[in-house]
Amino acid sequence: MKRILATAVLSCGLLAAAAQKPASPGKPAPKPAVKPAPKPATAPPLALKTPIDSLSYAIGMLDGNFFKQQGIAQVNSSALGRGFSDVLKGQTILTPEQADMVIRGQLQQLGRRKIQPNIDACNGFLAQNAKKPGVKTTPSGLQYEVIREGTGPSPADTNTVKVHYVGTLLDGTLFDSSRDRGEPATFPLNGVIRGWTEGVQLMKTGSLYRFWIPYTLGYGEQGAGDKIPGGSLLIFEVELLEIVK
């Protein structure tokens, strides 16, 4: 009996030692089994069995595509469906005006977030540019530098002027140039962006100025076409050729 007990104890000791013994060189220790992560649940396929099913899905798809293009990436599907059904019942929680304000406010936030880097770059540049010799800043925030001073009269905002100009963005991108077109431009001063209306009135005929126009005096947060993003600083070199009579 004692021999059997001793043998059993010895066997247990050998097994324990073997369990604690490091793996042989060149043979990695066995890794514990890893349970695979559960797959995310997916919505069951939608069956469009009736014309109403197809119409409902088409409306949701087209509306979703429109607002996705505006930058909206997430909605509450339950609230969305409830809003649609409440309209059909004539029992909405919000008035049409309130709903319009909610959507407009959200789109404005998304649009502002998109152009914020342009606004920050504009404001940062103007703050540093204002410290340079020869650069003057008006109360509105317009900055200008006199490259050549003319001797003729200065226009009023009701005048029509003939000018040569070159317009670039802060990164040097050219977006418009009368010189490249080979002929001056003629326009009324009260029919252009505020930065131009104010700036050209500072000039005497024959002058050549450089203007730095903040987005608030240019094309605002909306920008202009594909060439001028919202929030952009505009840099113009303008030569006032004459006041058109």
C-alpha atoms as a PDB file:
ATOM      1  CA  MET A   1       0.000   0.000   0.000  1.00  0.00           C
ATOM      2  CA  LYS A   2       2.795   2.409   0.877  1.00  0.00           C
ATOM      3  CA  ARG A   3       4.621   1.488  -2.351  1.00  0.00           C
ATOM      4  CA  ILE A   4       1.498   2.233  -4.418  1.00  0.00           C
ATOM      5  CA  LEU A   5       1.010   5.585  -2.624  1.00  0.00           C
ATOM      6  CA  ALA A   6       4.646   6.556  -3.123  1.00  0.00           C
ATOM      7  CA  THR A   7       4.447   5.664  -6.816  1.00  0.00           C
ATOM      8  CA  ALA A   8       1.349   7.781  -7.214  1.00  0.00           C
ATOM      9  CA  VAL A   9       2.992  10.767  -5.521  1.00  0.00           C
ATOM     10  CA  LEU A  10       6.120  10.402  -7.671  1.00  0.00           C
ATOM     11  CA  SER A  11       4.011  10.252 -10.821  1.00  0.00           C
ATOM     12  CA  CYS A  12       2.180  13.448  -9.855  1.00  0.00           C
ATOM     13  CA  GLY A  13       5.484  15.192  -9.195  1.00  0.00           C
ATOM     14  CA  LEU A  14       6.896  14.169 -12.573  1.00  0.00           C
ATOM     15  CA  LEU A  15       3.760  15.395 -14.353  1.00  0.00           C
ATOM     16  CA  ALA A  16       3.890  18.745 -12.560  1.00  0.00           C
ATOM     17  CA  ALA A  17       7.575  19.147 -13.407  1.00  0.00           C
ATOM     18  CA  ALA A  18       6.909  18.341 -17.011  1.00  0.00           C
ATOM     19  CA  ALA A  19       4.162  20.973 -17.122  1.00  0.00           C
ATOM     20  CA  GLN A  20       6.580  23.633 -15.774  1.00  0.00           C
ATOM     21  CA  LYS A  21       9.496  22.613 -17.996  1.00  0.00           C
ATOM     22  CA  PRO A  22      10.274  25.230 -20.676  1.00  0.00           C
ATOM     23  CA  ALA A  23       9.860  24.318 -24.307  1.00  0.00           C
ATOM     24  CA  SER A  24      12.871  22.847 -26.066  1.00  0.00           C
ATOM     25  CA  PRO A  25      15.054  25.302 -28.077  1.00  0.00           C
ATOM     26  CA  GLY A  26      13.659  25.782 -31.554  1.00  0.00           C
ATOM     27  CA  LYS A  27      10.212  24.545 -30.574  1.00  0.00           C
ATOM     28  CA  PRO A  28       7.769  27.358 -29.639  1.00  0.00           C
ATOM     29  CA  ALA A  29       5.542  26.848 -26.671  1.00  0.00           C
ATOM     30  CA  PRO A  30       2.004  25.842 -27.621  1.00  0.00           C
ATOM     31  CA  LYS A  31      -0.354  28.839 -27.794  1.00  0.00           C
ATOM     32  CA  PRO A  32      -3.680  28.802 -26.011  1.00  0.00           C
ATOM     33  CA  ALA A  33      -6.660  28.329 -28.257  1.00  0.00           C
ATOM     34  CA  VAL A  34      -8.273  31.650 -29.309  1.00  0.00           C
ATOM     35  CA  LYS A  35     -11.985  31.755 -29.858  1.00  0.00           C
ATOM     36  CA  PRO A  36     -12.956  33.476 -33.126  1.00  0.00           C
ATOM     37  CA  ALA A  37     -14.644  36.846 -32.705  1.00  0.00           C
ATOM     38  CA  PRO A  38     -18.377  36.709 -33.332  1.00  0.00           C
ATOM     39  CA  LYS A  39     -19.422  38.031 -36.714  1.00  0.00           C
ATOM     40  CA  PRO A  40     -21.450  41.261 -36.640  1.00  0.00           C
ATOM     41  CA  ALA A  41     -25.113  40.761 -37.188  1.00  0.00           C
ATOM     42  CA  THR A  42     -26.314  41.756 -40.635  1.00  0.00           C
ATOM     43  CA  ALA A  43     -29.771  42.910 -41.585  1.00  0.00           C
ATOM     44  CA  PRO A  44     -31.787  40.259 -43.385  1.00  0.00           C
ATOM     45  CA  PRO A  45     -32.288  40.909 -47.105  1.00  0.00           C
ATOM     46  CA  LEU A  46     -35.296  43.066 -47.855  1.00  0.00           C
ATOM     47  CA  ALA A  47     -37.908  41.542 -50.126  1.00  0.00           C
ATOM     48  CA  LEU A  48     -39.797  44.064 -52.244  1.00  0.00           C
ATOM     49  CA  LYS A  49     -43.002  42.077 -52.654  1.00  0.00           C
ATOM     50  CA  THR A  50     -45.458  44.841 -53.558  1.00  0.00           C
ATOM     51  CA  PRO A  51     -45.413  48.143 -55.484  1.00  0.00           C
ATOM     52  CA  ILE A  52     -45.667  49.952 -52.146  1.00  0.00           C
ATOM     53  CA  ASP A  53     -42.532  48.133 -50.947  1.00  0.00           C
ATOM     54  CA  SER A  54     -40.638  49.216 -54.050  1.00  0.00           C
ATOM     55  CA  LEU A  55     -41.908  52.805 -53.821  1.00  0.00           C
ATOM     56  CA  SER A  56     -40.986  53.056 -50.152  1.00  0.00           C
ATOM     57  CA  TYR A  57     -37.486  51.719 -50.715  1.00  0.00           C
ATOM     58  CA  ALA A  58     -36.952  53.979 -53.746  1.00  0.00           C
ATOM     59  CA  ILE A  59     -37.956  57.083 -51.772  1.00  0.00           C
ATOM     60  CA  GLY A  60     -35.620  56.134 -48.934  1.00  0.00           C
ATOM     61  CA  MET A  61     -32.775  55.389 -51.332  1.00  0.00           C
ATOM     62  CA  LEU A  62     -33.066  58.660 -53.265  1.00  0.00           C
ATOM     63  CA  ASP A  63     -33.465  60.791 -50.140  1.00  0.00           C
ATOM     64  CA  GLY A  64     -30.573  58.969 -48.503  1.00  0.00           C
ATOM     65  CA  ASN A  65     -28.351  59.525 -51.524  1.00  0.00           C
ATOM     66  CA  PHE A  66     -29.157  63.255 -51.569  1.00  0.00           C
ATOM     67  CA  PHE A  67     -28.338  63.823 -47.915  1.00  0.00           C
ATOM     68  CA  LYS A  68     -25.268  61.600 -48.115  1.00  0.00           C
ATOM     69  CA  GLN A  69     -23.936  63.948 -50.785  1.00  0.00           C
ATOM     70  CA  GLN A  70     -24.521  66.835 -48.379  1.00  0.00           C
ATOM     71  CA  GLY A  71     -22.280  65.137 -45.809  1.00  0.00           C
ATOM     72  CA  ILE A  72     -24.845  63.488 -43.522  1.00  0.00           C
ATOM     73  CA  ALA A  73     -23.485  60.036 -42.683  1.00  0.00           C
ATOM     74  CA  GLN A  74     -25.783  58.878 -39.871  1.00  0.00           C
ATOM     75  CA  VAL A  75     -29.503  59.079 -39.062  1.00  0.00           C
ATOM     76  CA  ASN A  76     -31.929  57.448 -36.650  1.00  0.00           C
ATOM     77  CA  SER A  77     -33.863  55.105 -38.948  1.00  0.00           C
ATOM     78  CA  SER A  78     -36.784  54.806 -36.534  1.00  0.00           C
ATOM     79  CA  ALA A  79     -37.189  58.594 -36.255  1.00  0.00           C
ATOM     80  CA  LEU A  80     -36.798  58.918 -40.017  1.00  0.00           C
ATOM     81  CA  GLY A  81     -39.593  56.444 -40.700  1.00  0.00           C
ATOM     82  CA  ARG A  82     -41.772  58.004 -37.993  1.00  0.00           C
ATOM     83  CA  GLY A  83     -41.349  61.447 -39.531  1.00  0.00           C
ATOM     84  CA  PHE A  84     -42.428  60.175 -42.935  1.00  0.00           C
ATOM     85  CA  SER A  85     -45.476  58.352 -41.586  1.00  0.00           C
ATOM     86  CA  ASP A  86     -46.455  61.335 -39.404  1.00  0.00           C
ATOM     87  CA  VAL A  87     -46.499  63.565 -42.499  1.00  0.00           C
ATOM     88  CA  LEU A  88     -48.863  61.159 -44.229  1.00  0.00           C
ATOM     89  CA  LYS A  89     -51.099  61.177 -41.136  1.00  0.00           C
ATOM     90  CA  GLY A  90     -50.925  64.974 -40.760  1.00  0.00           C
ATOM     91  CA  GLN A  91     -49.641  64.676 -37.172  1.00  0.00           C
ATOM     92  CA  THR A  92     -46.024  65.876 -37.119  1.00  0.00           C
ATOM     93  CA  ILE A  93     -44.104  66.855 -33.991  1.00  0.00           C
ATOM     94  CA  LEU A  94     -42.275  69.704 -35.770  1.00  0.00           C
ATOM     95  CA  THR A  95     -43.666  72.374 -38.050  1.00  0.00           C
ATOM     96  CA  PRO A  96     -42.263  72.533 -41.605  1.00  0.00           C
ATOM     97  CA  GLU A  97     -40.373  75.697 -40.606  1.00  0.00           C
ATOM     98  CA  GLN A  98     -38.816  73.981 -37.599  1.00  0.00           C
ATOM     99  CA  ALA A  99     -37.832  70.958 -39.669  1.00  0.00           C
ATOM    100  CA  ASP A 100     -36.245  73.245 -42.263  1.00  0.00           C
ATOM    101  CA  MET A 101     -34.245  75.028 -39.544  1.00  0.00           C
ATOM    102  CA  VAL A 102     -32.988  71.709 -38.146  1.00  0.00           C
ATOM    103  CA  ILE A 103     -31.770  70.525 -41.542  1.00  0.00           C
ATOM    104  CA  ARG A 104     -30.265  73.879 -42.502  1.00  0.00           C
ATOM    105  CA  GLY A 105     -28.447  74.134 -39.174  1.00  0.00           C
ATOM    106  CA  GLN A 106     -26.959  70.668 -39.531  1.00  0.00           C
ATOM    107  CA  LEU A 107     -25.871  71.266 -43.132  1.00  0.00           C
ATOM    108  CA  GLN A 108     -24.269  74.574 -42.148  1.00  0.00           C
ATOM    109  CA  GLN A 109     -22.276  72.845 -39.413  1.00  0.00           C
ATOM    110  CA  LEU A 110     -21.112  70.178 -41.832  1.00  0.00           C
ATOM    111  CA  GLY A 111     -20.199  72.773 -44.447  1.00  0.00           C
ATOM    112  CA  ARG A 112     -18.296  74.907 -41.924  1.00  0.00           C
ATOM    113  CA  ARG A 113     -16.367  71.880 -40.694  1.00  0.00           C
ATOM    114  CA  LYS A 114     -15.330  71.094 -44.258  1.00  0.00           C
ATOM    115  CA  ILE A 115     -13.943  74.573 -45.012  1.00  0.00           C
ATOM    116  CA  GLN A 116     -12.519  75.308 -41.554  1.00  0.00           C
ATOM    117  CA  PRO A 117      -8.936  74.545 -42.681  1.00  0.00           C
ATOM    118  CA  ASN A 118      -9.281  77.236 -45.382  1.00  0.00           C
ATOM    119  CA  ILE A 119     -10.594  79.746 -42.844  1.00  0.00           C
ATOM    120  CA  ASP A 120      -7.781  78.963 -40.395  1.00  0.00           C
ATOM    121  CA  ALA A 121      -5.176  79.329 -43.149  1.00  0.00           C
ATOM    122  CA  CYS A 122      -6.721  82.643 -44.239  1.00  0.00           C
ATOM    123  CA  ASN A 123      -6.790  84.111 -40.728  1.00  0.00           C
ATOM    124  CA  GLY A 124      -3.322  82.840 -39.867  1.00  0.00           C
ATOM    125  CA  PHE A 125      -1.780  84.298 -43.021  1.00  0.00           C
ATOM    126  CA  LEU A 126      -3.432  87.696 -42.590  1.00  0.00           C
ATOM    127  CA  ALA A 127      -2.219  87.938 -38.995  1.00  0.00           C
ATOM    128  CA  GLN A 128       1.386  87.443 -40.111  1.00  0.00           C
ATOM    129  CA  ASN A 129       1.076  89.459 -43.330  1.00  0.00           C
ATOM    130  CA  ALA A 130      -0.150  92.523 -41.413  1.00  0.00           C
ATOM    131  CA  LYS A 131       3.269  92.738 -39.716  1.00  0.00           C
ATOM    132  CA  LYS A 132       5.186  93.111 -42.984  1.00  0.00           C
ATOM    133  CA  PRO A 133       6.514  96.549 -43.995  1.00  0.00           C
ATOM    134  CA  GLY A 134       4.368  98.265 -46.609  1.00  0.00           C
ATOM    135  CA  VAL A 135       1.243  96.190 -45.907  1.00  0.00           C
ATOM    136  CA  LYS A 136      -1.757  98.205 -44.745  1.00  0.00           C
ATOM    137  CA  THR A 137      -4.977  96.866 -43.208  1.00  0.00           C
ATOM    138  CA  THR A 138      -8.345  98.617 -43.412  1.00  0.00           C
ATOM    139  CA  PRO A 139     -11.003  98.428 -40.654  1.00  0.00           C
ATOM    140  CA  SER A 140     -12.878  95.771 -42.657  1.00  0.00           C
ATOM    141  CA  GLY A 141      -9.833  93.480 -42.685  1.00  0.00           C
ATOM    142  CA  LEU A 142      -8.773  94.130 -46.287  1.00  0.00           C
ATOM    143  CA  GLN A 143      -4.989  94.218 -46.694  1.00  0.00           C
ATOM    144  CA  TYR A 144      -3.142  95.950 -49.531  1.00  0.00           C
ATOM    145  CA  GLU A 145       0.290  96.968 -50.710  1.00  0.00           C
ATOM    146  CA  VAL A 146       1.128  99.800 -53.118  1.00  0.00           C
ATOM    147  CA  ILE A 147       3.387  98.487 -55.871  1.00  0.00           C
ATOM    148  CA  ARG A 148       3.108 101.630 -57.997  1.00  0.00           C
ATOM    149  CA  GLU A 149       1.170 104.777 -57.137  1.00  0.00           C
ATOM    150  CA  GLY A 150      -0.699 106.529 -59.932  1.00  0.00           C
ATOM    151  CA  THR A 151      -1.438 110.194 -60.368  1.00  0.00           C
ATOM    152  CA  GLY A 152      -5.008 110.166 -61.718  1.00  0.00           C
ATOM    153  CA  PRO A 153      -8.337 110.411 -59.876  1.00  0.00           C
ATOM    154  CA  SER A 154      -9.750 107.699 -57.636  1.00  0.00           C
ATOM    155  CA  PRO A 155     -13.089 106.067 -58.528  1.00  0.00           C
ATOM    156  CA  ALA A 156     -16.270 106.032 -56.445  1.00  0.00           C
ATOM    157  CA  ASP A 157     -18.256 102.873 -55.861  1.00  0.00           C
ATOM    158  CA  THR A 158     -20.773 104.069 -58.462  1.00  0.00           C
ATOM    159  CA  ASN A 159     -18.123 104.277 -61.191  1.00  0.00           C
ATOM    160  CA  THR A 160     -17.277 101.761 -63.871  1.00  0.00           C
ATOM    161  CA  VAL A 161     -13.553 101.006 -64.131  1.00  0.00           C
ATOM    162  CA  LYS A 162     -11.197  99.378 -66.606  1.00  0.00           C
ATOM    163  CA  VAL A 163      -8.507  97.215 -64.986  1.00  0.00           C
ATOM    164  CA  HIS A 164      -5.948  94.543 -65.540  1.00  0.00           C
ATOM    165  CA  TYR A 165      -5.759  91.944 -62.778  1.00  0.00           C
ATOM    166  CA  VAL A 166      -4.374  88.556 -61.757  1.00  0.00           C
ATOM    167  CA  GLY A 167      -6.139  86.513 -59.066  1.00  0.00           C
ATOM    168  CA  THR A 168      -4.602  83.626 -57.112  1.00  0.00           C
ATOM    169  CA  LEU A 169      -5.359  81.571 -54.013  1.00  0.00           C
ATOM    170  CA  LEU A 170      -3.118  81.374 -50.966  1.00  0.00           C
ATOM    171  CA  ASP A 171      -1.325  78.317 -52.356  1.00  0.00           C
ATOM    172  CA  GLY A 172      -0.542  80.151 -55.594  1.00  0.00           C
ATOM    173  CA  THR A 173      -3.300  78.586 -57.699  1.00  0.00           C
ATOM    174  CA  LEU A 174      -4.307  80.954 -60.515  1.00  0.00           C
ATOM    175  CA  PHE A 175      -8.094  81.233 -60.832  1.00  0.00           C
ATOM    176  CA  ASP A 176      -8.506  84.290 -63.087  1.00  0.00           C
ATOM    177  CA  SER A 177      -6.341  86.701 -65.100  1.00  0.00           C
ATOM    178  CA  SER A 178      -7.276  89.466 -67.537  1.00  0.00           C
ATOM    179  CA  ARG A 179      -3.639  89.576 -68.612  1.00  0.00           C
ATOM    180  CA  ASP A 180      -3.777  85.957 -69.739  1.00  0.00           C
ATOM    181  CA  ARG A 181      -6.897  86.790 -71.752  1.00  0.00           C
ATOM    182  CA  GLY A 182      -5.009  89.656 -73.378  1.00  0.00           C
ATOM    183  CA  GLU A 183      -7.526  92.426 -72.686  1.00  0.00           C
ATOM    184  CA  PRO A 184      -8.549  94.548 -69.685  1.00  0.00           C
ATOM    185  CA  ALA A 185     -11.775  93.941 -67.809  1.00  0.00           C
ATOM    186  CA  THR A 186     -14.485  96.585 -67.413  1.00  0.00           C
ATOM    187  CA  PHE A 187     -17.098  96.454 -64.662  1.00  0.00           C
ATOM    188  CA  PRO A 188     -19.055  98.649 -62.210  1.00  0.00           C
ATOM    189  CA  LEU A 189     -17.466  98.788 -58.766  1.00  0.00           C
ATOM    190  CA  ASN A 190     -20.791  98.181 -57.033  1.00  0.00           C
ATOM    191  CA  GLY A 191     -21.247  94.912 -58.925  1.00  0.00           C
ATOM    192  CA  VAL A 192     -18.234  92.951 -57.630  1.00  0.00           C
ATOM    193  CA  ILE A 193     -17.119  91.384 -54.336  1.00  0.00           C
ATOM    194  CA  ARG A 194     -16.782  93.740 -51.358  1.00  0.00           C
ATOM    195  CA  GLY A 195     -13.003  93.477 -51.275  1.00  0.00           C
ATOM    196  CA  TRP A 196     -12.803  94.809 -54.832  1.00  0.00           C
ATOM    197  CA  THR A 197     -15.358  97.563 -54.245  1.00  0.00           C
ATOM    198  CA  GLU A 198     -13.427  98.836 -51.247  1.00  0.00           C
ATOM    199  CA  GLY A 199      -9.921  98.234 -52.557  1.00  0.00           C
ATOM    200  CA  VAL A 200     -10.146  99.798 -56.009  1.00  0.00           C
ATOM    201  CA  GLN A 201     -11.554 102.998 -54.479  1.00  0.00           C
ATOM    202  CA  LEU A 202      -8.238 103.364 -52.629  1.00  0.00           C
ATOM    203  CA  MET A 203      -6.363 103.475 -55.928  1.00  0.00           C
ATOM    204  CA  LYS A 204      -5.577 106.409 -58.190  1.00  0.00           C
ATOM    205  CA  THR A 205      -5.772 105.873 -61.923  1.00  0.00           C
ATOM    206  CA  GLY A 206      -2.466 104.429 -63.126  1.00  0.00           C
ATOM    207  CA  SER A 207      -1.805 102.616 -59.819  1.00  0.00           C
ATOM    208  CA  LEU A 208      -0.769  98.997 -59.347  1.00  0.00           C
ATOM    209  CA  TYR A 209      -1.803  97.454 -56.011  1.00  0.00           C
ATOM    210  CA  ARG A 210      -1.713  94.015 -54.447  1.00  0.00           C
ATOM    211  CA  PHE A 211      -4.766  93.063 -52.369  1.00  0.00           C
ATOM    212  CA  TRP A 212      -5.246  90.273 -49.824  1.00  0.00           C
ATOM    213  CA  ILE A 213      -8.992  89.802 -49.515  1.00  0.00           C
ATOM    214  CA  PRO A 214     -10.320  87.699 -46.598  1.00  0.00           C
ATOM    215  CA  TYR A 215     -13.138  85.297 -47.374  1.00  0.00           C
ATOM    216  CA  THR A 216     -15.591  87.577 -45.538  1.00  0.00           C
ATOM    217  CA  LEU A 217     -14.974  90.229 -48.219  1.00  0.00           C
ATOM    218  CA  GLY A 218     -14.716  87.695 -51.046  1.00  0.00           C
ATOM    219  CA  TYR A 219     -16.872  84.679 -51.794  1.00  0.00           C
ATOM    220  CA  GLY A 220     -17.644  83.809 -48.176  1.00  0.00           C
ATOM    221  CA  GLU A 221     -18.131  80.274 -46.937  1.00  0.00           C
ATOM    222  CA  GLN A 222     -19.793  79.208 -50.188  1.00  0.00           C
ATOM    223  CA  GLY A 223     -16.846  79.889 -52.502  1.00  0.00           C
ATOM    224  CA  ALA A 224     -17.274  80.315 -56.254  1.00  0.00           C
ATOM    225  CA  GLY A 225     -17.523  77.387 -58.642  1.00  0.00           C
ATOM    226  CA  ASP A 226     -14.848  74.733 -58.717  1.00  0.00           C
ATOM    227  CA  LYS A 227     -11.895  77.127 -58.619  1.00  0.00           C
ATOM    228  CA  ILE A 228     -12.494  79.005 -55.350  1.00  0.00           C
ATOM    229  CA  PRO A 229     -13.341  76.847 -52.305  1.00  0.00           C
ATOM    230  CA  GLY A 230     -15.370  78.297 -49.434  1.00  0.00           C
ATOM    231  CA  GLY A 231     -13.381  80.244 -46.855  1.00  0.00           C
ATOM    232  CA  SER A 232     -10.576  81.075 -49.289  1.00  0.00           C
ATOM    233  CA  LEU A 233      -8.239  84.057 -49.073  1.00  0.00           C
ATOM    234  CA  LEU A 234      -8.044  85.848 -52.438  1.00  0.00           C
ATOM    235  CA  ILE A 235      -4.860  87.554 -53.638  1.00  0.00           C
ATOM    236  CA  PHE A 236      -5.212  90.081 -56.465  1.00  0.00           C
ATOM    237  CA  GLU A 237      -2.704  92.207 -58.298  1.00  0.00           C
ATOM    238  CA  VAL A 238      -4.764  95.049 -59.802  1.00  0.00           C
ATOM    239  CA  GLU A 239      -3.792  97.832 -62.206  1.00  0.00           C
ATOM    240  CA  LEU A 240      -6.356 100.630 -62.507  1.00  0.00           C
ATOM    241  CA  LEU A 241      -6.206 101.783 -66.116  1.00  0.00           C
ATOM    242  CA  GLU A 242      -9.068 104.251 -66.258  1.00  0.00           C
ATOM    243  CA  ILE A 243     -12.426 105.353 -64.926  1.00  0.00           C
ATOM    244  CA  VAL A 244     -14.937 104.753 -67.685  1.00  0.00           C
ATOM    245  CA  LYS A 245     -17.200 107.739 -68.382  1.00  0.00           C
END
